[in-house]
Amino acid sequence: MMSPYVLKTLSTDGKGRYFTSFKVPDVYGVFQFKVEYERLGYTSLSLSKQIPVRPFRHNEYERFIPTAYPYYGASFSMMAGFLIFSAVHLYNK
């Protein structure tokens, strides 16, 4: 998968606007998005734009990820268990 590509056809809304949606491949790098529209009897349309795809920065992630709640619970229960164990051990005669 050295050069991933996605082929999509454009849909129209009837008012002269064409659109489509797709997900960017899960590969970091610089991609070139091309639109090439050719229709018999009309001028062809060719557009291209380069878009960088990069990983999230450290401050762009979600604050609390819902799928990590079991890990959050485990860490807080471990802290509570450590505090209870310490209190019992220190204040036991």
N, C-alpha and C. Protein backbone atom coordinates (compact mmCIF):
# COMPACT_ATOMS: atom_id res chain seq x y z
N MET A 1 0.85 -1.18 0.00
CA MET A 1 0.00 0.00 0.00
C MET A 1 0.89 1.24 0.00
N MET A 2 1.76 1.32 -0.94
CA MET A 2 2.66 2.47 -1.01
C MET A 2 1.94 3.73 -1.48
N SER A 3 0.98 3.60 -2.37
CA SER A 3 0.25 4.78 -2.84
C SER A 3 -1.24 4.45 -2.86
N PRO A 4 -1.92 4.62 -1.72
CA PRO A 4 -3.34 4.30 -1.67
C PRO A 4 -4.16 5.28 -2.51
N TYR A 5 -5.21 4.78 -3.10
CA TYR A 5 -6.09 5.66 -3.86
C TYR A 5 -7.53 5.24 -3.64
N VAL A 6 -8.42 6.21 -3.76
CA VAL A 6 -9.85 5.98 -3.57
C VAL A 6 -10.56 6.55 -4.78
N LEU A 7 -11.36 5.74 -5.44
CA LEU A 7 -12.14 6.21 -6.57
C LEU A 7 -13.59 6.35 -6.14
N LYS A 8 -14.16 7.53 -6.30
CA LYS A 8 -15.55 7.78 -5.92
C LYS A 8 -16.22 8.55 -7.05
N THR A 9 -17.50 8.28 -7.25
CA THR A 9 -18.26 9.08 -8.20
C THR A 9 -18.95 10.21 -7.45
N LEU A 10 -19.15 11.31 -8.13
CA LEU A 10 -19.77 12.48 -7.52
C LEU A 10 -21.28 12.40 -7.64
N SER A 11 -21.96 12.82 -6.59
CA SER A 11 -23.42 12.92 -6.60
C SER A 11 -23.80 14.39 -6.78
N THR A 12 -24.98 14.63 -7.29
CA THR A 12 -25.42 16.00 -7.50
C THR A 12 -26.67 16.29 -6.68
N ASP A 13 -26.85 17.57 -6.34
CA ASP A 13 -28.05 17.96 -5.60
C ASP A 13 -29.08 18.61 -6.52
N GLY A 14 -28.82 18.65 -7.82
CA GLY A 14 -29.77 19.22 -8.77
C GLY A 14 -29.63 20.71 -8.95
N LYS A 15 -28.80 21.36 -8.16
CA LYS A 15 -28.60 22.81 -8.27
C LYS A 15 -27.22 23.16 -8.83
N GLY A 16 -26.54 22.16 -9.38
CA GLY A 16 -25.23 22.41 -9.96
C GLY A 16 -24.08 22.10 -9.03
N ARG A 17 -24.36 21.61 -7.83
CA ARG A 17 -23.30 21.27 -6.88
C ARG A 17 -23.10 19.76 -6.87
N TYR A 18 -21.85 19.35 -6.93
CA TYR A 18 -21.49 17.95 -6.87
C TYR A 18 -20.74 17.69 -5.57
N PHE A 19 -20.96 16.53 -4.99
CA PHE A 19 -20.34 16.23 -3.71
C PHE A 19 -20.13 14.73 -3.56
N THR A 20 -19.25 14.39 -2.64
CA THR A 20 -19.01 13.02 -2.23
C THR A 20 -18.34 13.06 -0.87
N SER A 21 -18.31 11.94 -0.19
CA SER A 21 -17.61 11.87 1.10
C SER A 21 -16.84 10.55 1.16
N PHE A 22 -15.71 10.59 1.85
CA PHE A 22 -14.88 9.40 2.00
C PHE A 22 -13.97 9.61 3.19
N LYS A 23 -13.41 8.50 3.68
CA LYS A 23 -12.44 8.56 4.77
C LYS A 23 -11.04 8.50 4.19
N VAL A 24 -10.16 9.26 4.81
CA VAL A 24 -8.78 9.26 4.39
C VAL A 24 -8.14 7.94 4.81
N PRO A 25 -7.26 7.36 4.00
CA PRO A 25 -6.61 6.11 4.40
C PRO A 25 -5.83 6.27 5.70
N ASP A 26 -5.69 5.20 6.44
CA ASP A 26 -5.02 5.23 7.74
C ASP A 26 -3.51 5.17 7.56
N VAL A 27 -2.99 6.07 6.76
CA VAL A 27 -1.56 6.15 6.47
C VAL A 27 -1.18 7.62 6.55
N TYR A 28 -0.12 7.93 7.27
CA TYR A 28 0.33 9.31 7.37
C TYR A 28 1.15 9.67 6.14
N GLY A 29 1.05 10.92 5.74
CA GLY A 29 1.82 11.37 4.59
C GLY A 29 1.11 12.52 3.90
N VAL A 30 1.56 12.84 2.71
CA VAL A 30 0.98 13.91 1.91
C VAL A 30 0.23 13.25 0.75
N PHE A 31 -1.05 13.54 0.66
CA PHE A 31 -1.89 12.96 -0.38
C PHE A 31 -2.31 14.04 -1.37
N GLN A 32 -2.52 13.62 -2.58
CA GLN A 32 -2.99 14.54 -3.61
C GLN A 32 -4.41 14.13 -3.99
N PHE A 33 -5.34 15.03 -3.75
CA PHE A 33 -6.73 14.78 -4.10
C PHE A 33 -7.00 15.38 -5.47
N LYS A 34 -7.51 14.55 -6.36
CA LYS A 34 -7.75 14.99 -7.74
C LYS A 34 -9.22 14.84 -8.08
N VAL A 35 -9.73 15.81 -8.81
CA VAL A 35 -11.06 15.73 -9.39
C VAL A 35 -10.88 15.89 -10.89
N GLU A 36 -11.26 14.88 -11.61
CA GLU A 36 -11.18 14.94 -13.08
C GLU A 36 -12.55 14.62 -13.64
N TYR A 37 -13.18 15.63 -14.21
CA TYR A 37 -14.54 15.48 -14.72
C TYR A 37 -14.51 15.70 -16.22
N GLU A 38 -14.93 14.69 -16.94
CA GLU A 38 -14.96 14.78 -18.39
C GLU A 38 -16.35 14.41 -18.86
N ARG A 39 -16.89 15.25 -19.73
CA ARG A 39 -18.20 14.99 -20.29
C ARG A 39 -18.17 15.36 -21.77
N LEU A 40 -18.74 14.53 -22.57
CA LEU A 40 -18.69 14.72 -24.00
C LEU A 40 -19.39 16.02 -24.38
N GLY A 41 -18.71 16.87 -25.11
CA GLY A 41 -19.29 18.13 -25.57
C GLY A 41 -19.02 19.30 -24.65
N TYR A 42 -18.45 19.05 -23.47
CA TYR A 42 -18.16 20.13 -22.53
C TYR A 42 -16.67 20.17 -22.24
N THR A 43 -16.23 21.28 -21.68
CA THR A 43 -14.83 21.40 -21.30
C THR A 43 -14.56 20.49 -20.11
N SER A 44 -13.44 19.82 -20.14
CA SER A 44 -13.10 18.94 -19.01
C SER A 44 -12.64 19.78 -17.82
N LEU A 45 -12.88 19.26 -16.64
CA LEU A 45 -12.53 19.93 -15.39
C LEU A 45 -11.49 19.08 -14.68
N SER A 46 -10.38 19.70 -14.31
CA SER A 46 -9.31 18.98 -13.63
C SER A 46 -8.80 19.83 -12.48
N LEU A 47 -8.99 19.36 -11.26
CA LEU A 47 -8.53 20.06 -10.06
C LEU A 47 -7.69 19.11 -9.23
N SER A 48 -6.66 19.62 -8.59
CA SER A 48 -5.87 18.79 -7.68
C SER A 48 -5.40 19.66 -6.52
N LYS A 49 -5.33 19.02 -5.35
CA LYS A 49 -4.89 19.72 -4.15
C LYS A 49 -4.14 18.74 -3.27
N GLN A 50 -3.03 19.19 -2.69
CA GLN A 50 -2.25 18.34 -1.80
C GLN A 50 -2.67 18.60 -0.35
N ILE A 51 -2.93 17.52 0.37
CA ILE A 51 -3.39 17.60 1.75
C ILE A 51 -2.46 16.75 2.62
N PRO A 52 -1.89 17.33 3.69
CA PRO A 52 -1.08 16.50 4.59
C PRO A 52 -1.98 15.76 5.59
N VAL A 53 -1.70 14.49 5.80
CA VAL A 53 -2.40 13.68 6.81
C VAL A 53 -1.37 13.37 7.88
N ARG A 54 -1.65 13.82 9.10
CA ARG A 54 -0.68 13.67 10.19
C ARG A 54 -1.38 13.12 11.42
N PRO A 55 -0.63 12.57 12.35
CA PRO A 55 -1.25 12.08 13.59
C PRO A 55 -1.69 13.26 14.46
N PHE A 56 -2.58 12.97 15.40
CA PHE A 56 -3.02 14.01 16.32
C PHE A 56 -1.85 14.48 17.19
N ARG A 57 -1.86 15.77 17.52
CA ARG A 57 -0.90 16.26 18.49
C ARG A 57 -1.35 15.85 19.88
N HIS A 58 -0.48 16.04 20.86
CA HIS A 58 -0.79 15.57 22.21
C HIS A 58 -1.98 16.31 22.82
N ASN A 59 -2.30 17.50 22.37
CA ASN A 59 -3.43 18.24 22.94
C ASN A 59 -4.68 18.18 22.06
N GLU A 60 -4.68 17.36 21.03
CA GLU A 60 -5.84 17.25 20.15
C GLU A 60 -6.69 16.01 20.42
N TYR A 61 -6.25 15.14 21.32
CA TYR A 61 -7.02 13.95 21.65
C TYR A 61 -8.18 14.32 22.57
N GLU A 62 -9.15 13.44 22.65
CA GLU A 62 -10.25 13.64 23.59
C GLU A 62 -9.71 13.57 25.01
N ARG A 63 -10.35 14.28 25.92
CA ARG A 63 -9.87 14.31 27.29
C ARG A 63 -10.06 12.96 27.98
N PHE A 64 -11.27 12.42 27.95
CA PHE A 64 -11.54 11.11 28.54
C PHE A 64 -12.16 10.23 27.47
N ILE A 65 -11.52 9.14 27.18
CA ILE A 65 -12.00 8.23 26.15
C ILE A 65 -12.98 7.26 26.80
N PRO A 66 -14.22 7.16 26.31
CA PRO A 66 -15.21 6.29 26.96
C PRO A 66 -14.81 4.81 27.00
N THR A 67 -14.06 4.32 26.05
CA THR A 67 -13.69 2.91 26.06
C THR A 67 -12.62 2.61 27.10
N ALA A 68 -12.01 3.64 27.69
CA ALA A 68 -10.96 3.44 28.67
C ALA A 68 -11.49 3.51 30.10
N TYR A 69 -12.81 3.59 30.30
CA TYR A 69 -13.37 3.67 31.65
C TYR A 69 -12.98 2.49 32.53
N PRO A 70 -12.90 1.26 32.03
CA PRO A 70 -12.43 0.17 32.90
C PRO A 70 -11.01 0.40 33.42
N TYR A 71 -10.15 0.98 32.61
CA TYR A 71 -8.79 1.27 33.05
C TYR A 71 -8.77 2.39 34.09
N TYR A 72 -9.62 3.41 33.88
CA TYR A 72 -9.73 4.47 34.88
C TYR A 72 -10.21 3.89 36.20
N GLY A 73 -11.23 3.04 36.16
CA GLY A 73 -11.75 2.42 37.37
C GLY A 73 -10.71 1.56 38.07
N ALA A 74 -9.93 0.82 37.28
CA ALA A 74 -8.89 -0.03 37.85
C ALA A 74 -7.82 0.81 38.54
N SER A 75 -7.43 1.91 37.94
CA SER A 75 -6.38 2.73 38.55
C SER A 75 -6.88 3.38 39.84
N PHE A 76 -8.13 3.89 39.84
CA PHE A 76 -8.65 4.51 41.06
C PHE A 76 -8.90 3.48 42.15
N SER A 77 -9.34 2.27 41.80
CA SER A 77 -9.52 1.25 42.82
C SER A 77 -8.16 0.81 43.38
N MET A 78 -7.12 0.79 42.56
CA MET A 78 -5.78 0.46 43.04
C MET A 78 -5.27 1.52 44.00
N MET A 79 -5.53 2.79 43.69
CA MET A 79 -5.13 3.87 44.61
C MET A 79 -5.88 3.77 45.93
N ALA A 80 -7.19 3.51 45.87
CA ALA A 80 -7.98 3.37 47.09
C ALA A 80 -7.50 2.16 47.90
N GLY A 81 -7.23 1.05 47.25
CA GLY A 81 -6.73 -0.13 47.95
C GLY A 81 -5.38 0.12 48.60
N PHE A 82 -4.51 0.86 47.92
CA PHE A 82 -3.21 1.19 48.50
C PHE A 82 -3.36 2.08 49.72
N LEU A 83 -4.26 3.06 49.67
CA LEU A 83 -4.48 3.93 50.83
C LEU A 83 -5.07 3.15 52.00
N ILE A 84 -6.00 2.27 51.74
CA ILE A 84 -6.60 1.47 52.82
C ILE A 84 -5.55 0.52 53.41
N PHE A 85 -4.76 -0.13 52.56
CA PHE A 85 -3.71 -1.03 53.03
C PHE A 85 -2.69 -0.26 53.87
N SER A 86 -2.31 0.95 53.40
CA SER A 86 -1.33 1.75 54.15
C SER A 86 -1.88 2.15 55.51
N ALA A 87 -3.15 2.59 55.54
CA ALA A 87 -3.75 3.00 56.80
C ALA A 87 -3.86 1.83 57.77
N VAL A 88 -4.26 0.67 57.28
CA VAL A 88 -4.35 -0.51 58.15
C VAL A 88 -2.97 -0.94 58.64
N HIS A 89 -1.98 -0.92 57.79
CA HIS A 89 -0.63 -1.33 58.16
C HIS A 89 0.02 -0.36 59.13
N LEU A 90 -0.19 0.95 58.94
CA LEU A 90 0.45 1.94 59.80
C LEU A 90 -0.20 2.02 61.17
N TYR A 91 -1.52 1.91 61.23
CA TYR A 91 -2.23 2.11 62.48
C TYR A 91 -2.65 0.81 63.16
N ASN A 92 -2.11 -0.32 62.73
CA ASN A 92 -2.39 -1.60 63.35
C ASN A 92 -1.37 -1.85 64.46
N LYS A 93 -1.81 -2.31 65.60
CA LYS A 93 -0.87 -2.56 66.71
C LYS A 93 -0.22 -3.90 66.57
